[in-house]
Structures are given as C-alpha cells and as structure tokens.
C-alpha atoms as a PDB file:
ATOM      1  CA  MET A   1      -6.157  -3.141 -12.746  1.00  0.00           C
ATOM      2  CA  VAL A   2      -5.605  -0.782 -15.298  1.00  0.00           C
ATOM      3  CA  GLY A   3      -8.353  -2.263 -18.017  1.00  0.00           C
ATOM      4  CA  GLU A   4     -10.665  -2.473 -14.848  1.00  0.00           C
ATOM      5  CA  ALA A   5     -10.195   1.320 -14.441  1.00  0.00           C
ATOM      6  CA  ALA A   6     -10.272   2.333 -17.866  1.00  0.00           C
ATOM      7  CA  ARG A   7     -13.354   0.107 -18.432  1.00  0.00           C
ATOM      8  CA  LEU A   8     -15.256   2.192 -15.224  1.00  0.00           C
ATOM      9  CA  THR A   9     -13.676   5.233 -16.819  1.00  0.00           C
ATOM     10  CA  ARG A  10     -15.553   4.694 -19.827  1.00  0.00           C
ATOM     11  CA  ALA A  11     -18.517   3.276 -18.972  1.00  0.00           C
ATOM     12  CA  LEU A  12     -19.278   6.692 -16.299  1.00  0.00           C
ATOM     13  CA  GLY A  13     -18.178   9.205 -18.957  1.00  0.00           C
ATOM     14  CA  LEU A  14     -16.581  10.629 -15.803  1.00  0.00           C
ATOM     15  CA  LEU A  15     -15.621  14.676 -15.711  1.00  0.00           C
ATOM     16  CA  ALA A  16     -11.846  14.696 -15.232  1.00  0.00           C
ATOM     17  CA  CYS A  17     -10.189  16.956 -13.035  1.00  0.00           C
ATOM     18  CA  VAL A  18      -6.349  17.494 -12.175  1.00  0.00           C
ATOM     19  CA  ALA A  19      -5.869  18.565  -8.624  1.00  0.00           C
ATOM     20  CA  LEU A  20      -3.087  20.055  -6.755  1.00  0.00           C
ATOM     21  CA  ALA A  21      -2.550  19.309  -2.770  1.00  0.00           C
ATOM     22  CA  PRO A  22       0.079  20.985  -1.153  1.00  0.00           C
ATOM     23  CA  VAL A  23       2.937  18.930  -0.079  1.00  0.00           C
ATOM     24  CA  ALA A  24       3.408  18.142   3.778  1.00  0.00           C
ATOM     25  CA  ALA A  25       5.754  21.428   4.788  1.00  0.00           C
ATOM     26  CA  ALA A  26       9.385  19.996   5.383  1.00  0.00           C
ATOM     27  CA  ALA A  27      10.812  21.663   8.566  1.00  0.00           C
ATOM     28  CA  GLY A  28       8.280  24.240   8.457  1.00  0.00           C
ATOM     29  CA  SER A  29       8.841  25.606   4.635  1.00  0.00           C
ATOM     30  CA  ASN A  30       5.638  26.386   2.922  1.00  0.00           C
ATOM     31  CA  ASP A  31       7.559  26.953  -0.554  1.00  0.00           C
ATOM     32  CA  LEU A  32       7.753  23.112  -1.858  1.00  0.00           C
ATOM     33  CA  PRO A  33       6.021  22.401  -4.987  1.00  0.00           C
ATOM     34  CA  ALA A  34       2.582  20.675  -4.935  1.00  0.00           C
ATOM     35  CA  TRP A  35       2.241  16.682  -6.160  1.00  0.00           C
ATOM     36  CA  VAL A  36       0.608  16.104  -8.981  1.00  0.00           C
ATOM     37  CA  ILE A  37      -2.689  14.248  -8.594  1.00  0.00           C
ATOM     38  CA  ASN A  38      -4.386  12.704 -11.648  1.00  0.00           C
ATOM     39  CA  ALA A  39      -7.784  11.957 -10.433  1.00  0.00           C
ATOM     40  CA  SER A  40     -11.436  11.674 -11.809  1.00  0.00           C
ATOM     41  CA  CYS A  41     -14.496  12.504  -9.754  1.00  0.00           C
ATOM     42  CA  ARG A  42     -18.068  11.895  -9.763  1.00  0.00           C
ATOM     43  CA  ASP A  43     -20.989  13.265  -7.598  1.00  0.00           C
ATOM     44  CA  GLY A  44     -18.135  15.010  -5.275  1.00  0.00           C
ATOM     45  CA  ALA A  45     -16.305  11.536  -4.713  1.00  0.00           C
ATOM     46  CA  PRO A  46     -13.213  10.305  -6.502  1.00  0.00           C
ATOM     47  CA  GLN A  47     -13.942   7.777  -9.187  1.00  0.00           C
ATOM     48  CA  GLY A  48     -12.172   5.979 -11.776  1.00  0.00           C
ATOM     49  CA  PRO A  49      -8.181   5.920 -11.927  1.00  0.00           C
ATOM     50  CA  TYR A  50      -5.585   7.579  -9.494  1.00  0.00           C
ATOM     51  CA  GLN A  51      -2.396   8.873  -9.758  1.00  0.00           C
ATOM     52  CA  LEU A  52      -0.034  10.374  -7.502  1.00  0.00           C
ATOM     53  CA  ARG A  53       3.472  11.728  -9.162  1.00  0.00           C
ATOM     54  CA  THR A  54       6.252  14.275  -7.433  1.00  0.00           C
ATOM     55  CA  PRO A  55       6.168  17.497  -8.625  1.00  0.00           C
ATOM     56  CA  ASP A  56       8.966  16.453 -10.957  1.00  0.00           C
ATOM     57  CA  GLY A  57       6.809  13.607 -12.533  1.00  0.00           C
ATOM     58  CA  ARG A  58       7.917  10.699 -10.679  1.00  0.00           C
ATOM     59  CA  LEU A  59       4.804   8.187  -9.936  1.00  0.00           C
ATOM     60  CA  ARG A  60       4.640   7.688  -6.163  1.00  0.00           C
ATOM     61  CA  VAL A  61       0.671   5.814  -6.239  1.00  0.00           C
ATOM     62  CA  ALA A  62      -1.411   4.147  -8.723  1.00  0.00           C
ATOM     63  CA  GLY A  63      -4.576   3.133  -8.256  1.00  0.00           C
ATOM     64  CA  ALA A  64      -8.541   3.205  -8.497  1.00  0.00           C
ATOM     65  CA  PHE A  65     -11.986   4.734  -6.851  1.00  0.00           C
ATOM     66  CA  ASN A  66     -15.298   3.962  -7.012  1.00  0.00           C
ATOM     67  CA  ASN A  67     -17.479   6.069  -5.393  1.00  0.00           C
ATOM     68  CA  GLY A  68     -15.086   7.740  -3.273  1.00  0.00           C
ATOM     69  CA  LYS A  69     -13.673   4.172  -2.380  1.00  0.00           C
ATOM     70  CA  ARG A  70     -10.226   2.377  -3.057  1.00  0.00           C
ATOM     71  CA  THR A  71     -11.298  -0.290  -5.659  1.00  0.00           C
ATOM     72  CA  GLY A  72      -8.306  -3.136  -7.396  1.00  0.00           C
ATOM     73  CA  SER A  73      -4.723  -2.490  -6.129  1.00  0.00           C
ATOM     74  CA  PHE A  74      -2.913   0.267  -5.330  1.00  0.00           C
ATOM     75  CA  ILE A  75       0.982   0.334  -6.223  1.00  0.00           C
ATOM     76  CA  PHE A  76       3.216   2.259  -4.153  1.00  0.00           C
ATOM     77  CA  TRP A  77       6.758   3.295  -5.079  1.00  0.00           C
ATOM     78  CA  SER A  78       9.718   5.057  -3.339  1.00  0.00           C
ATOM     79  CA  ASN A  79      10.939   8.396  -4.109  1.00  0.00           C
ATOM     80  CA  ASP A  80      13.757   6.857  -6.665  1.00  0.00           C
ATOM     81  CA  GLY A  81      11.032   4.761  -8.188  1.00  0.00           C
ATOM     82  CA  VAL A  82      11.344   1.362  -6.418  1.00  0.00           C
ATOM     83  CA  ARG A  83       8.114  -0.735  -5.555  1.00  0.00           C
ATOM     84  CA  VAL A  84       7.454  -0.594  -1.960  1.00  0.00           C
ATOM     85  CA  ALA A  85       3.989  -1.954  -1.826  1.00  0.00           C
ATOM     86  CA  HIS A  86       1.021  -3.698  -3.594  1.00  0.00           C
ATOM     87  CA  VAL A  87      -2.422  -2.969  -1.375  1.00  0.00           C
ATOM     88  CA  PRO A  88      -5.585  -4.761  -2.555  1.00  0.00           C
ATOM     89  CA  TYR A  89      -8.935  -3.177  -1.940  1.00  0.00           C
ATOM     90  CA  ASP A  90     -12.570  -3.520  -1.922  1.00  0.00           C
ATOM     91  CA  GLU A  91     -14.809  -1.238  -1.141  1.00  0.00           C
ATOM     92  CA  ASP A  92     -11.749   0.905   0.721  1.00  0.00           C
ATOM     93  CA  GLU A  93     -10.917  -2.402   3.050  1.00  0.00           C
ATOM     94  CA  ARG A  94      -7.496  -4.305   2.168  1.00  0.00           C
ATOM     95  CA  ASN A  95      -9.173  -7.292   0.712  1.00  0.00           C
ATOM     96  CA  GLY A  96      -6.493 -10.244  -1.079  1.00  0.00           C
ATOM     97  CA  THR A  97      -2.531 -10.484  -0.701  1.00  0.00           C
ATOM     98  CA  VAL A  98      -0.770  -7.475   0.651  1.00  0.00           C
ATOM     99  CA  ALA A  99       2.634  -7.710  -0.405  1.00  0.00           C
ATOM    100  CA  THR A 100       5.743  -4.963   0.913  1.00  0.00           C
ATOM    101  CA  TRP A 101       9.364  -5.119  -0.326  1.00  0.00           C
ATOM    102  CA  TYR A 102      12.474  -3.355   1.205  1.00  0.00           C
ATOM    103  CA  PRO A 103      14.032  -0.501  -0.358  1.00  0.00           C
ATOM    104  CA  GLY A 104      16.118  -1.303  -3.104  1.00  0.00           C
ATOM    105  CA  ARG A 105      18.231  -0.014  -5.718  1.00  0.00           C
ATOM    106  CA  PRO A 106      16.237   2.060  -8.637  1.00  0.00           C
ATOM    107  CA  GLY A 107      16.095  -0.280 -11.644  1.00  0.00           C
ATOM    108  CA  ALA A 108      16.371  -3.888  -9.837  1.00  0.00           C
ATOM    109  CA  GLU A 109      13.918  -6.163  -8.400  1.00  0.00           C
ATOM    110  CA  PRO A 110      13.513  -5.414  -4.375  1.00  0.00           C
ATOM    111  CA  ALA A 111      13.910  -8.140  -1.934  1.00  0.00           C
ATOM    112  CA  ARG A 112      10.488  -9.408  -0.324  1.00  0.00           C
ATOM    113  CA  ARG A 113       9.463  -7.925   3.008  1.00  0.00           C
ATOM    114  CA  LEU A 114       6.038  -9.223   3.605  1.00  0.00           C
ATOM    115  CA  GLU A 115       3.187 -11.080   1.827  1.00  0.00           C
ATOM    116  CA  SER A 116      -0.164 -11.010   3.905  1.00  0.00           C
ATOM    117  CA  ALA A 117      -3.397 -12.624   3.280  1.00  0.00           C
ATOM    118  CA  TRP A 118      -6.366 -10.250   3.844  1.00  0.00           C
ATOM    119  CA  ARG A 119     -10.295 -10.782   3.946  1.00  0.00           C
ATOM    120  CA  ARG A 120     -12.324  -7.778   4.415  1.00  0.00           C
ATOM    121  CA  GLY A 121      -9.835  -5.450   6.584  1.00  0.00           C
ATOM    122  CA  ARG A 122      -8.479  -8.223   8.479  1.00  0.00           C
ATOM    123  CA  ARG A 123      -5.818 -10.654   8.438  1.00  0.00           C
ATOM    124  CA  GLN A 124      -7.385 -13.983   7.388  1.00  0.00           C
ATOM    125  CA  GLY A 125      -4.769 -17.176   6.559  1.00  0.00           C
ATOM    126  CA  LEU A 126      -1.206 -16.885   5.935  1.00  0.00           C
ATOM    127  CA  THR A 127       1.258 -14.184   6.285  1.00  0.00           C
ATOM    128  CA  ARG A 128       4.548 -14.520   5.367  1.00  0.00           C
ATOM    129  CA  SER A 129       8.153 -12.323   6.347  1.00  0.00           C
ATOM    130  CA  TRP A 130      11.714 -12.135   4.926  1.00  0.00           C
ATOM    131  CA  TYR A 131      14.911 -10.775   5.969  1.00  0.00           C
ATOM    132  CA  ALA A 132      16.535  -8.423   3.861  1.00  0.00           C
ATOM    133  CA  ASP A 133      18.725 -10.895   2.279  1.00  0.00           C
ATOM    134  CA  GLY A 134      16.008 -13.104   1.363  1.00  0.00           C
ATOM    135  CA  ARG A 135      15.790 -15.809   4.282  1.00  0.00           C
ATOM    136  CA  ARG A 136      12.412 -16.659   5.702  1.00  0.00           C
ATOM    137  CA  ARG A 137      11.726 -14.586   9.231  1.00  0.00           C
ATOM    138  CA  ALA A 138       8.037 -15.590  10.016  1.00  0.00           C
ATOM    139  CA  GLU A 139       4.965 -17.757   8.565  1.00  0.00           C
ATOM    140  CA  THR A 140       1.821 -16.798  10.616  1.00  0.00           C
ATOM    141  CA  GLU A 141      -1.768 -18.240  10.203  1.00  0.00           C
ATOM    142  CA  TYR A 142      -4.277 -15.746  10.858  1.00  0.00           C
ATOM    143  CA  ALA A 143      -8.227 -16.287  11.365  1.00  0.00           C
ATOM    144  CA  GLY A 144     -10.491 -13.321  11.453  1.00  0.00           C
ATOM    145  CA  GLY A 145      -7.587 -11.032  12.370  1.00  0.00           C
ATOM    146  CA  ALA A 146      -6.206 -13.099  15.091  1.00  0.00           C
ATOM    147  CA  LEU A 147      -3.162 -14.748  15.191  1.00  0.00           C
ATOM    148  CA  VAL A 148      -3.414 -18.649  15.550  1.00  0.00           C
ATOM    149  CA  THR A 149      -0.197 -20.275  14.901  1.00  0.00           C
ATOM    150  CA  THR A 150       3.362 -19.274  13.738  1.00  0.00           C
ATOM    151  CA  THR A 151       6.849 -20.239  12.832  1.00  0.00           C
ATOM    152  CA  GLY A 152       9.806 -18.057  13.239  1.00  0.00           C
ATOM    153  CA  TRP A 153      13.235 -18.053  12.413  1.00  0.00           C
ATOM    154  CA  SER A 154      16.270 -15.963  13.692  1.00  0.00           C
ATOM    155  CA  ASP A 155      18.417 -13.539  11.532  1.00  0.00           C
ATOM    156  CA  THR A 156      21.168 -16.524  11.675  1.00  0.00           C
ATOM    157  CA  GLY A 157      18.378 -19.127  10.170  1.00  0.00           C
ATOM    158  CA  THR A 158      18.095 -20.465  13.672  1.00  0.00           C
ATOM    159  CA  GLN A 159      14.128 -21.922  14.090  1.00  0.00           C
ATOM    160  CA  LEU A 160      12.590 -19.955  17.266  1.00  0.00           C
ATOM    161  CA  GLY A 161      10.518 -21.320  20.205  1.00  0.00           C
ATOM    162  CA  ASP A 162       6.838 -20.386  20.101  1.00  0.00           C
ATOM    163  CA  GLU A 163       7.130 -17.707  22.536  1.00  0.00           C
ATOM    164  CA  ALA A 164       9.384 -15.956  20.799  1.00  0.00           C
ATOM    165  CA  ALA A 165       7.707 -16.626  17.431  1.00  0.00           C
ATOM    166  CA  ARG A 166       4.702 -14.952  18.699  1.00  0.00           C
ATOM    167  CA  ALA A 167       6.428 -12.108  19.698  1.00  0.00           C
ATOM    168  CA  LEU A 168       8.220 -11.705  16.469  1.00  0.00           C
ATOM    169  CA  ALA A 169       5.202 -12.293  14.373  1.00  0.00           C
ATOM    170  CA  GLN A 170       3.318  -9.639  16.503  1.00  0.00           C
ATOM    171  CA  ARG A 171       6.348  -6.747  15.918  1.00  0.00           C
ATOM    172  CA  ASP A 172       6.118  -8.096  12.267  1.00  0.00           C
ATOM    173  CA  ALA A 173       2.538  -7.161  12.732  1.00  0.00           C
ATOM    174  CA  GLU A 174       2.499  -3.748  14.344  1.00  0.00           C
ATOM    175  CA  ALA A 175       5.385  -2.517  11.772  1.00  0.00           C
ATOM    176  CA  ALA A 176       3.315  -3.490   8.778  1.00  0.00           C
ATOM    177  CA  ASP A 177       0.475  -1.865  10.176  1.00  0.00           C
ATOM    178  CA  ALA A 178       2.142   1.375  10.722  1.00  0.00           C
ATOM    179  CA  GLU A 179       3.923   0.877   7.349  1.00  0.00           C
ATOM    180  CA  TYR A 180       0.259   0.354   5.883  1.00  0.00           C
ATOM    181  CA  ALA A 181      -0.926   3.580   7.973  1.00  0.00           C
ATOM    182  CA  GLU A 182       1.550   5.920   6.362  1.00  0.00           C
ATOM    183  CA  LEU A 183       0.258   4.664   2.649  1.00  0.00           C
ATOM    184  CA  ASP A 184      -3.232   5.204   3.592  1.00  0.00           C
ATOM    185  CA  ARG A 185      -2.534   8.564   4.621  1.00  0.00           C
ATOM    186  CA  LEU A 186      -0.113   9.831   1.510  1.00  0.00           C
ATOM    187  CA  VAL A 187      -3.224   8.620  -0.274  1.00  0.00           C
ATOM    188  CA  ARG A 188      -5.800  10.465   2.181  1.00  0.00           C
ATOM    189  CA  GLU A 189      -3.449  13.466   1.915  1.00  0.00           C
ATOM    190  CA  HIS A 190      -3.595  13.835  -2.197  1.00  0.00           C
ATOM    191  CA  LEU A 191      -7.089  13.163  -2.993  1.00  0.00           C
ATOM    192  CA  PRO A 192      -8.373  14.910  -6.026  1.00  0.00           C
ATOM    193  CA  ARG A 193     -10.818  18.029  -5.055  1.00  0.00           C
ATOM    194  CA  CYS A 194     -14.035  16.962  -6.164  1.00  0.00           C
ATOM    195  CA  ASP A 195     -16.411  19.923  -5.257  1.00  0.00           C
END
C-alpha cells in the first residue's frame, strides 16, 4: 500500500497540502485542538497518501486516494495506538477482506473480531466472527450482500440452531456496518481542503 501510494505521488507530481480540520466539539467546547491531516490534492480532490493524526501526533488513519476516491487499504488505530480495522477499497467501495479487532492493550496484538469478504461494496463470500476470548462466534456465507448460510456458536461454545445462528449473523452484520459507518465518517469529516 505504501509503495503503491508513493508511486502514485511521484507519477502525478502532486501538489502537497497539509490541512487542518476541526475536531468535533466535545460537550459543546470549541477550544479543542485540530486533527492533523497529511494529504495531497489534485484538481480539487484528495490524491495520493492520506494520514490522519491526533493533535498530539498519534496516527489514527492511513490510506490513499485516487481522484478523490479511497483506494487500497485504509488502516485505523484507536486513540491508544491499537489497530482496530483494515478496510480495503476500490473506487471508494469496500472490496477485499475487511478485518476488525477488539480493543486491546497498546503494544499487544488485539484479538480478532471479524473478517468479511467484500466485492464492489457488498458482502460476498465468507464472513467470520469471534468472541473476545478468541473462540469462534459465527461463519456466514454471503452472495451479493444476502446471507446464504450460517453457523453460529454461543459464548459457551455450543453450536446454535439455524434461527439463532441467523439472528447472530444479522446482529454481527449490523454491528459491523455501524462500525464501518463510524470509520467512514472519521475520514469524511477529516479530508484535506482541496479548494
């Protein structure tokens, strides 16, 4: 991803811009320092490598844009520097294996939460989820965004019946979609000023 983004930057001779975007005010306070956005622009749109850092310099998001659209891998970290998500894009749509992790301790490998195959913005293929202790939670097959078949397990390891497994898979998909929406919002609200 870094090599691809660097090649794009060199090939296009981009005009670099470092922009600052305001942090969403907490509890009505407008005195919060700004996030730091390291990105480039071309023809009024984000282009090339993208990084979003907290005001004190901690990396929260790394990815790349091509003609204003997310491309390749976007990696997200928590405020304490723990990886929380890897989302691959093609033409601004999820495309590839999306992975999320449970919150973890800084410096330690976080526990897997979910891995999901996507194609052109929809679930396509196998989605697997785990409980925080590492035990499997569900394995679900999707075709064109629709659930085809699933197997689920309780938090004690007992295999669930079909109806309960489908309900668990649906809850996992809804929770994942809500998380993806928050990650998308984080990037969308912190784009470089390309005007």
